[in-house]
Amino acid sequence: MGHAGMAATAVRYLRSAGAPTAAEARSGSRPRPLLRAVRDDERLPVDPAEFRRVLGHFASGVTVVTARDDEGPAGFACQSFASLSLDPPLIAFMVARTSTTWPRIARAGAFCVNVLGADQGPLCLGFARSGADKFAGVTHTPAPVTGSPRLAGAPAWIDCTIATVHTGGDHLIVVGRVEALDGAAEGDPLVFHRGRFGRLAT
């Protein structure tokens, strides 16, 4: 399946799940989708703030997921990224169903995961904002297979096409097939832990 077919599949999924397209989100023509994916009687008695506090003890790397659609480059900061499969080579990331950037990535049918380095905290914060030109002043080049933006200075990048999309509560689980990748031989990663950036202690 080519990029256009994958993009069409992702957009059909978004519409069936009730997520707005980027144009609909900007115009406000559709309400945001309902986030509840389970019945009230299925919920655990967990306070959302406590859930975030406890899960914040899990340190993770930080990425920026980028794509290019007809409107230009798009991207968002993403902490929930992981390798998934070696054969075939698959990765996964999670994105909120209310994201206005995700529909643009879905339409593109492809994306690039930019793994951020220890000194790229300000770059991450720029991509975590909404309603701003996230690429203003950001140097990037096209990834070799999909053309998605590769951010300058990122220690590693993974160029992907969308394989599947699954519902995960108030998020979507996006599985990407790796088409190309590269990483620097050296360099510390940007680490996120308990709401703060950090770096590895060596």
Protein backbone atom coordinates (compact mmCIF):
# COMPACT_ATOMS: atom_id res chain seq x y z
CA MET A 1 0.00 0.00 0.00
CA GLY A 2 1.43 3.40 -0.98
CA HIS A 3 1.48 6.58 1.09
CA ALA A 4 -1.85 7.72 -0.36
CA GLY A 5 -3.53 4.44 0.53
CA MET A 6 -2.14 4.49 4.06
CA ALA A 7 -3.21 8.10 4.50
CA ALA A 8 -6.73 7.31 3.30
CA THR A 9 -6.94 4.37 5.71
CA ALA A 10 -5.81 6.53 8.64
CA VAL A 11 -8.24 9.33 7.79
CA ARG A 12 -11.14 6.88 7.45
CA TYR A 13 -10.25 5.52 10.86
CA LEU A 14 -10.14 8.98 12.38
CA ARG A 15 -13.54 9.86 11.00
CA SER A 16 -15.07 6.60 12.18
CA ALA A 17 -13.63 7.22 15.65
CA GLY A 18 -15.00 10.76 15.69
CA ALA A 19 -11.66 12.60 15.63
CA PRO A 20 -11.69 15.93 13.75
CA THR A 21 -9.56 16.60 10.71
CA ALA A 22 -7.12 19.51 10.95
CA ALA A 23 -9.42 21.79 8.96
CA GLU A 24 -12.40 20.89 11.15
CA ALA A 25 -10.40 21.50 14.31
CA ARG A 26 -9.31 24.96 13.11
CA SER A 27 -12.80 26.01 12.05
CA GLY A 28 -14.51 24.60 15.11
CA SER A 29 -17.13 23.04 12.82
CA ARG A 30 -17.13 19.77 14.77
CA PRO A 31 -16.99 19.14 18.51
CA ARG A 32 -14.00 17.38 19.94
CA PRO A 33 -14.45 13.59 20.10
CA LEU A 34 -15.64 11.90 23.26
CA LEU A 35 -12.60 10.54 25.04
CA ARG A 36 -14.33 7.89 27.11
CA ALA A 37 -13.52 4.45 25.75
CA VAL A 38 -14.92 2.37 28.63
CA ARG A 39 -18.15 2.41 30.62
CA ASP A 40 -18.24 4.12 34.00
CA ASP A 41 -18.66 0.78 35.76
CA GLU A 42 -15.44 -0.46 34.13
CA ARG A 43 -13.32 2.37 35.47
CA LEU A 44 -10.84 1.86 38.28
CA PRO A 45 -11.09 4.28 41.22
CA VAL A 46 -7.91 6.12 40.25
CA ASP A 47 -7.61 9.89 40.55
CA PRO A 48 -6.18 11.34 37.29
CA ALA A 49 -3.69 13.54 39.16
CA GLU A 50 -2.46 10.56 41.18
CA PHE A 51 -2.22 8.49 38.00
CA ARG A 52 0.02 11.12 36.41
CA ARG A 53 2.13 11.52 39.56
CA VAL A 54 2.85 7.82 39.91
CA LEU A 55 3.45 7.20 36.20
CA GLY A 56 5.79 10.20 36.19
CA HIS A 57 8.34 8.04 38.02
CA PHE A 58 8.93 6.23 34.73
CA ALA A 59 11.72 8.08 32.95
CA SER A 60 11.54 8.18 29.17
CA GLY A 61 13.25 9.66 26.18
CA VAL A 62 11.65 12.49 24.23
CA THR A 63 10.89 12.64 20.51
CA VAL A 64 9.31 14.98 18.00
CA VAL A 65 7.07 13.24 15.46
CA THR A 66 6.96 15.14 12.16
CA ALA A 67 5.23 14.84 8.81
CA ARG A 68 4.58 16.89 5.70
CA ASP A 69 1.13 17.28 4.16
CA ASP A 70 -0.33 19.69 1.61
CA GLU A 71 -0.21 22.49 4.20
CA GLY A 72 3.49 22.06 4.91
CA PRO A 73 5.42 20.58 7.84
CA ALA A 74 3.62 19.43 10.99
CA GLY A 75 4.87 17.96 14.23
CA PHE A 76 4.38 17.45 17.95
CA ALA A 77 6.46 16.50 20.97
CA CYS A 78 5.94 12.88 21.94
CA GLN A 79 7.13 11.11 25.06
CA SER A 80 5.17 7.89 24.45
CA PHE A 81 7.35 6.27 21.80
CA ALA A 82 8.75 2.73 21.71
CA SER A 83 10.27 0.13 19.43
CA LEU A 84 7.77 -2.64 18.74
CA SER A 85 9.08 -5.30 16.36
CA LEU A 86 12.37 -6.27 14.75
CA ASP A 87 10.92 -8.41 11.94
CA PRO A 88 9.19 -6.59 10.38
CA PRO A 89 10.75 -3.38 11.73
CA LEU A 90 7.94 -1.57 13.57
CA ILE A 91 7.78 1.28 16.08
CA ALA A 92 4.80 2.78 17.92
CA PHE A 93 3.80 6.09 19.41
CA MET A 94 0.70 7.30 21.21
CA VAL A 95 -1.15 10.52 20.48
CA ALA A 96 -4.20 12.13 22.10
CA ARG A 97 -7.41 11.72 20.14
CA THR A 98 -7.92 15.50 20.50
CA SER A 99 -4.62 16.30 18.78
CA THR A 100 -4.97 18.68 15.84
CA THR A 101 -1.56 17.62 14.49
CA TRP A 102 -2.35 13.91 14.24
CA PRO A 103 -4.95 14.26 11.45
CA ARG A 104 -2.29 15.96 9.33
CA ILE A 105 0.13 13.11 9.97
CA ALA A 106 -2.64 10.63 9.17
CA ARG A 107 -3.34 12.35 5.86
CA ALA A 108 0.37 12.26 4.99
CA GLY A 109 0.44 8.51 5.65
CA ALA A 110 4.02 8.79 6.87
CA PHE A 111 6.11 10.42 9.58
CA CYS A 112 9.60 10.78 11.00
CA VAL A 113 10.42 10.22 14.67
CA ASN A 114 13.19 12.60 15.75
CA VAL A 115 14.90 11.40 18.94
CA LEU A 116 16.00 14.51 20.83
CA GLY A 117 19.39 15.07 22.41
CA ALA A 118 20.22 16.26 25.91
CA ASP A 119 20.48 19.92 24.87
CA GLN A 120 17.25 20.04 22.86
CA GLY A 121 14.81 20.77 25.68
CA PRO A 122 13.87 24.18 24.21
CA LEU A 123 13.16 22.52 20.86
CA CYS A 124 10.88 20.03 22.58
CA LEU A 125 8.99 22.81 24.36
CA GLY A 126 8.46 24.57 21.02
CA PHE A 127 6.80 21.47 19.58
CA ALA A 128 4.73 20.96 22.73
CA ARG A 129 2.94 24.29 22.18
CA SER A 130 -0.32 24.50 20.26
CA GLY A 131 -1.46 27.33 18.03
CA ALA A 132 2.05 28.46 17.08
CA ASP A 133 4.33 28.01 14.09
CA LYS A 134 6.36 25.16 15.53
CA PHE A 135 8.83 25.14 12.65
CA ALA A 136 9.73 28.85 12.86
CA GLY A 137 13.52 29.03 12.96
CA VAL A 138 13.87 25.23 13.04
CA THR A 139 16.31 23.76 10.53
CA HIS A 140 15.15 20.52 8.94
CA THR A 141 15.73 18.36 5.88
CA PRO A 142 13.53 15.73 4.17
CA ALA A 143 13.80 12.16 5.39
CA PRO A 144 15.03 9.94 2.55
CA VAL A 145 11.94 7.79 1.93
CA THR A 146 8.87 9.76 3.06
CA GLY A 147 10.14 13.34 2.90
CA SER A 148 9.01 13.97 6.49
CA PRO A 149 11.08 16.63 8.29
CA ARG A 150 14.30 15.51 9.98
CA LEU A 151 15.21 18.03 12.65
CA ALA A 152 18.78 19.31 12.66
CA GLY A 153 20.81 18.18 15.64
CA ALA A 154 18.60 15.22 16.59
CA PRO A 155 20.90 12.31 17.51
CA ALA A 156 18.65 9.78 15.76
CA TRP A 157 15.73 9.68 13.34
CA ILE A 158 13.36 6.94 12.15
CA ASP A 159 11.53 7.42 8.82
CA CYS A 160 8.21 5.52 8.80
CA THR A 161 5.00 4.84 6.95
CA ILE A 162 1.77 4.29 8.90
CA ALA A 163 1.02 0.57 9.29
CA THR A 164 -1.97 0.47 11.64
CA VAL A 165 -3.86 2.67 14.11
CA HIS A 166 -5.57 1.34 17.24
CA THR A 167 -7.76 2.93 19.91
CA GLY A 168 -6.27 3.14 23.39
CA GLY A 169 -8.72 4.97 25.65
CA ASP A 170 -8.33 8.72 25.14
CA HIS A 171 -5.30 8.12 22.88
CA LEU A 172 -4.56 6.44 19.57
CA ILE A 173 -1.79 3.87 19.22
CA VAL A 174 0.00 4.46 15.92
CA VAL A 175 2.17 1.68 14.54
CA GLY A 176 4.73 2.68 11.93
CA ARG A 177 6.77 0.53 9.57
CA VAL A 178 10.40 1.66 9.52
CA GLU A 179 11.58 2.56 6.02
CA ALA A 180 14.93 4.17 6.92
CA LEU A 181 16.79 5.25 10.05
CA ASP A 182 20.09 6.54 11.32
CA GLY A 183 21.69 7.61 14.56
CA ALA A 184 24.84 9.31 15.78
CA ALA A 185 27.59 7.19 17.25
CA GLU A 186 27.70 9.40 20.35
CA GLY A 187 25.47 11.84 22.20
CA ASP A 188 23.29 11.79 25.31
CA PRO A 189 19.50 11.63 25.00
CA LEU A 190 17.01 14.11 26.40
CA VAL A 191 15.31 12.45 29.37
CA PHE A 192 11.90 13.32 30.84
CA HIS A 193 11.19 12.38 34.47
CA ARG A 194 8.55 13.65 36.92
CA GLY A 195 7.69 16.64 34.76
CA ARG A 196 11.27 17.79 34.17
CA PHE A 197 13.98 17.35 31.56
CA GLY A 198 17.24 15.71 32.53
CA ARG A 199 20.19 13.79 31.14
CA LEU A 200 21.90 10.51 31.82
CA ALA A 201 24.45 10.50 34.61
CA THR A 202 27.62 8.76 33.46
